[in-house]
Amino acid sequence: MPLTKIIKLKKFSNRGYTLTPVELKEVSPFEVKRLYYMELPDDVVTGEHCHKVEEELFIQVRGSSTMIIDQGKGKEDILLQAGMVIYVPAYVWHGFKLATDNCLVLALSSTNYSADRKDYIENYGEYLKVRK
């Protein structure tokens, strides 16, 4: 299984504004089928979970947040700052906490959303059993 990967996006400043291009071929190992964004208040912890199939890229657009990650070695916190991208493959436990004011995270997904949530593992104990 591939490991989580962190990428720093390039920024170009000119004439009083900043441009941050995201070349998907350079940052995404999958075909993007869906995108969504999260405006995270500082006192919210998102629902932690993992996917059996779905891969995701999370782009910290504005502010910062702490991502909770477990790649099978225990939970760790990863600070994401504006301009950083984190790749989260299938079977990596993840969630967000400790967002700054005005935090915005853009997510790109390898799958379309399915309301039946069959792709999700939302119980950490079950995740630990599956990862062994």
C-alpha atoms as a PDB file:
ATOM      1  CA  MET A   1       0.000   0.000   0.000  1.00  0.00           C
ATOM      2  CA  PRO A   2       1.349   3.448  -0.869  1.00  0.00           C
ATOM      3  CA  LEU A   3       2.043   5.824   1.968  1.00  0.00           C
ATOM      4  CA  THR A   4       0.638   9.263   2.542  1.00  0.00           C
ATOM      5  CA  LYS A   5       2.622  11.871   0.628  1.00  0.00           C
ATOM      6  CA  ILE A   6       2.884  15.621   1.329  1.00  0.00           C
ATOM      7  CA  ILE A   7       3.474  18.062  -1.530  1.00  0.00           C
ATOM      8  CA  LYS A   8       4.183  21.815  -1.347  1.00  0.00           C
ATOM      9  CA  LEU A   9       2.489  23.775  -4.141  1.00  0.00           C
ATOM     10  CA  LYS A  10       4.356  26.419  -6.122  1.00  0.00           C
ATOM     11  CA  LYS A  11       3.295  30.056  -5.771  1.00  0.00           C
ATOM     12  CA  PHE A  12       3.875  32.888  -8.182  1.00  0.00           C
ATOM     13  CA  SER A  13       3.474  36.520  -7.087  1.00  0.00           C
ATOM     14  CA  ASN A  14       3.171  39.337  -9.581  1.00  0.00           C
ATOM     15  CA  ARG A  15       1.410  42.691  -9.744  1.00  0.00           C
ATOM     16  CA  GLY A  16      -0.014  42.433  -6.240  1.00  0.00           C
ATOM     17  CA  TYR A  17      -1.597  38.983  -6.397  1.00  0.00           C
ATOM     18  CA  THR A  18      -0.500  35.392  -5.929  1.00  0.00           C
ATOM     19  CA  LEU A  19      -1.236  32.524  -8.298  1.00  0.00           C
ATOM     20  CA  THR A  20      -1.033  28.920  -7.095  1.00  0.00           C
ATOM     21  CA  PRO A  21      -1.454  26.489  -9.991  1.00  0.00           C
ATOM     22  CA  VAL A  22      -2.274  22.844  -9.300  1.00  0.00           C
ATOM     23  CA  GLU A  23      -1.165  20.598 -12.143  1.00  0.00           C
ATOM     24  CA  LEU A  24      -3.152  17.450 -11.381  1.00  0.00           C
ATOM     25  CA  LYS A  25      -0.776  15.259 -13.399  1.00  0.00           C
ATOM     26  CA  GLU A  26       2.009  16.330 -11.002  1.00  0.00           C
ATOM     27  CA  VAL A  27       0.163  15.810  -7.706  1.00  0.00           C
ATOM     28  CA  SER A  28      -2.553  13.210  -8.258  1.00  0.00           C
ATOM     29  CA  PRO A  29      -1.819   9.509  -8.759  1.00  0.00           C
ATOM     30  CA  PHE A  30      -5.495   8.952  -9.662  1.00  0.00           C
ATOM     31  CA  GLU A  31      -8.133  10.318 -12.035  1.00  0.00           C
ATOM     32  CA  VAL A  32     -10.166  12.934 -10.160  1.00  0.00           C
ATOM     33  CA  LYS A  33     -13.893  12.141 -10.223  1.00  0.00           C
ATOM     34  CA  ARG A  34     -15.190  14.474  -7.517  1.00  0.00           C
ATOM     35  CA  LEU A  35     -14.177  17.518  -5.554  1.00  0.00           C
ATOM     36  CA  TYR A  36     -15.546  19.136  -2.453  1.00  0.00           C
ATOM     37  CA  TYR A  37     -14.331  21.677   0.045  1.00  0.00           C
ATOM     38  CA  MET A  38     -14.507  22.074   3.807  1.00  0.00           C
ATOM     39  CA  GLU A  39     -14.623  25.294   5.774  1.00  0.00           C
ATOM     40  CA  LEU A  40     -13.439  24.032   9.141  1.00  0.00           C
ATOM     41  CA  PRO A  41     -14.206  25.928  12.357  1.00  0.00           C
ATOM     42  CA  ASP A  42     -11.412  25.793  14.949  1.00  0.00           C
ATOM     43  CA  ASP A  43     -13.426  23.793  17.489  1.00  0.00           C
ATOM     44  CA  VAL A  44     -14.554  20.978  15.174  1.00  0.00           C
ATOM     45  CA  VAL A  45     -13.006  17.539  14.733  1.00  0.00           C
ATOM     46  CA  THR A  46     -14.234  15.912  11.535  1.00  0.00           C
ATOM     47  CA  GLY A  47     -15.410  12.323  11.523  1.00  0.00           C
ATOM     48  CA  GLU A  48     -12.331  10.108  11.413  1.00  0.00           C
ATOM     49  CA  HIS A  49     -12.508   7.189   8.974  1.00  0.00           C
ATOM     50  CA  CYS A  50     -10.760   5.398   6.130  1.00  0.00           C
ATOM     51  CA  HIS A  51     -11.838   4.223   2.704  1.00  0.00           C
ATOM     52  CA  LYS A  52     -11.430   0.760   1.264  1.00  0.00           C
ATOM     53  CA  VAL A  53     -11.172   2.022  -2.336  1.00  0.00           C
ATOM     54  CA  GLU A  54     -11.256   5.819  -2.469  1.00  0.00           C
ATOM     55  CA  GLU A  55      -8.033   7.836  -2.692  1.00  0.00           C
ATOM     56  CA  GLU A  56      -8.025  11.534  -1.816  1.00  0.00           C
ATOM     57  CA  LEU A  57      -5.900  14.637  -2.142  1.00  0.00           C
ATOM     58  CA  PHE A  58      -6.469  17.359   0.444  1.00  0.00           C
ATOM     59  CA  ILE A  59      -5.295  20.852  -0.486  1.00  0.00           C
ATOM     60  CA  GLN A  60      -4.933  23.340   2.364  1.00  0.00           C
ATOM     61  CA  VAL A  61      -6.132  26.430   0.480  1.00  0.00           C
ATOM     62  CA  ARG A  62      -6.357  28.910   3.344  1.00  0.00           C
ATOM     63  CA  GLY A  63      -5.329  28.894   6.994  1.00  0.00           C
ATOM     64  CA  SER A  64      -4.021  25.712   8.531  1.00  0.00           C
ATOM     65  CA  SER A  65      -5.364  22.520  10.055  1.00  0.00           C
ATOM     66  CA  THR A  66      -4.042  19.410  11.705  1.00  0.00           C
ATOM     67  CA  MET A  67      -4.715  16.156   9.945  1.00  0.00           C
ATOM     68  CA  ILE A  68      -5.036  12.986  11.984  1.00  0.00           C
ATOM     69  CA  ILE A  69      -3.413  10.126  10.045  1.00  0.00           C
ATOM     70  CA  ASP A  70      -2.857   6.438  10.760  1.00  0.00           C
ATOM     71  CA  GLN A  71      -1.025   4.458   8.094  1.00  0.00           C
ATOM     72  CA  GLY A  72      -1.028   1.320  10.214  1.00  0.00           C
ATOM     73  CA  LYS A  73       1.561   2.523  12.751  1.00  0.00           C
ATOM     74  CA  GLY A  74      -0.686   4.479  15.117  1.00  0.00           C
ATOM     75  CA  LYS A  75      -2.238   7.917  14.908  1.00  0.00           C
ATOM     76  CA  GLU A  76      -0.044  10.902  14.150  1.00  0.00           C
ATOM     77  CA  ASP A  77      -0.793  14.603  13.681  1.00  0.00           C
ATOM     78  CA  ILE A  78       0.348  16.385  10.522  1.00  0.00           C
ATOM     79  CA  LEU A  79       0.165  20.177  10.357  1.00  0.00           C
ATOM     80  CA  LEU A  80      -1.071  21.379   6.979  1.00  0.00           C
ATOM     81  CA  GLN A  81      -0.447  24.989   6.037  1.00  0.00           C
ATOM     82  CA  ALA A  82      -1.766  26.943   3.065  1.00  0.00           C
ATOM     83  CA  GLY A  83      -0.235  25.661  -0.164  1.00  0.00           C
ATOM     84  CA  MET A  84       0.311  22.118   1.080  1.00  0.00           C
ATOM     85  CA  VAL A  85      -1.271  19.016  -0.421  1.00  0.00           C
ATOM     86  CA  ILE A  86      -1.528  15.627   1.262  1.00  0.00           C
ATOM     87  CA  TYR A  87      -2.249  12.420  -0.645  1.00  0.00           C
ATOM     88  CA  VAL A  88      -4.288   9.868   1.312  1.00  0.00           C
ATOM     89  CA  PRO A  89      -4.527   6.425  -0.294  1.00  0.00           C
ATOM     90  CA  ALA A  90      -7.106   3.772   0.565  1.00  0.00           C
ATOM     91  CA  TYR A  91      -6.830   2.157   4.011  1.00  0.00           C
ATOM     92  CA  VAL A  92      -5.288   5.230   5.640  1.00  0.00           C
ATOM     93  CA  TRP A  93      -7.277   6.462   8.654  1.00  0.00           C
ATOM     94  CA  HIS A  94      -7.800  10.228   8.529  1.00  0.00           C
ATOM     95  CA  GLY A  95      -9.647  13.252   9.906  1.00  0.00           C
ATOM     96  CA  PHE A  96      -9.084  16.938  10.681  1.00  0.00           C
ATOM     97  CA  LYS A  97      -8.825  19.026  13.854  1.00  0.00           C
ATOM     98  CA  LEU A  98      -7.359  22.296  15.180  1.00  0.00           C
ATOM     99  CA  ALA A  99      -8.207  24.453  12.183  1.00  0.00           C
ATOM    100  CA  THR A 100      -7.356  28.143  12.208  1.00  0.00           C
ATOM    101  CA  ASP A 101      -9.946  30.850  11.595  1.00  0.00           C
ATOM    102  CA  ASN A 102     -10.938  31.065   7.948  1.00  0.00           C
ATOM    103  CA  CYS A 103      -9.600  27.553   7.205  1.00  0.00           C
ATOM    104  CA  LEU A 104     -10.445  26.152   3.787  1.00  0.00           C
ATOM    105  CA  VAL A 105      -9.523  22.638   2.590  1.00  0.00           C
ATOM    106  CA  LEU A 106     -10.219  21.450  -0.963  1.00  0.00           C
ATOM    107  CA  ALA A 107     -10.558  17.695  -1.450  1.00  0.00           C
ATOM    108  CA  LEU A 108     -10.149  15.761  -4.700  1.00  0.00           C
ATOM    109  CA  SER A 109     -11.462  12.213  -4.809  1.00  0.00           C
ATOM    110  CA  SER A 110     -10.911   9.160  -7.001  1.00  0.00           C
ATOM    111  CA  THR A 111     -14.567   8.106  -6.637  1.00  0.00           C
ATOM    112  CA  ASN A 112     -18.020   9.569  -6.772  1.00  0.00           C
ATOM    113  CA  TYR A 113     -19.877   9.793  -3.474  1.00  0.00           C
ATOM    114  CA  SER A 114     -22.038   6.819  -2.539  1.00  0.00           C
ATOM    115  CA  ALA A 115     -24.692   7.373   0.127  1.00  0.00           C
ATOM    116  CA  ASP A 116     -24.529   3.717   1.227  1.00  0.00           C
ATOM    117  CA  ARG A 117     -21.018   4.412   2.625  1.00  0.00           C
ATOM    118  CA  LYS A 118     -19.893   0.815   1.906  1.00  0.00           C
ATOM    119  CA  ASP A 119     -16.421   2.168   1.131  1.00  0.00           C
ATOM    120  CA  TYR A 120     -16.014   3.577   4.657  1.00  0.00           C
ATOM    121  CA  ILE A 121     -14.592   2.100   7.830  1.00  0.00           C
ATOM    122  CA  GLU A 122     -15.722   4.452  10.599  1.00  0.00           C
ATOM    123  CA  ASN A 123     -14.839   2.386  13.658  1.00  0.00           C
ATOM    124  CA  TYR A 124     -11.180   2.719  14.656  1.00  0.00           C
ATOM    125  CA  GLY A 125     -11.098  -0.712  16.304  1.00  0.00           C
ATOM    126  CA  GLU A 126     -12.352  -2.316  13.098  1.00  0.00           C
ATOM    127  CA  TYR A 127      -9.735  -0.350  11.118  1.00  0.00           C
ATOM    128  CA  LEU A 128      -6.963  -1.695  13.373  1.00  0.00           C
ATOM    129  CA  LYS A 129      -8.151  -5.278  12.794  1.00  0.00           C
ATOM    130  CA  VAL A 130      -8.243  -4.770   9.014  1.00  0.00           C
ATOM    131  CA  ARG A 131      -4.751  -3.207   8.929  1.00  0.00           C
ATOM    132  CA  LYS A 132      -3.106  -6.176  10.730  1.00  0.00           C
END
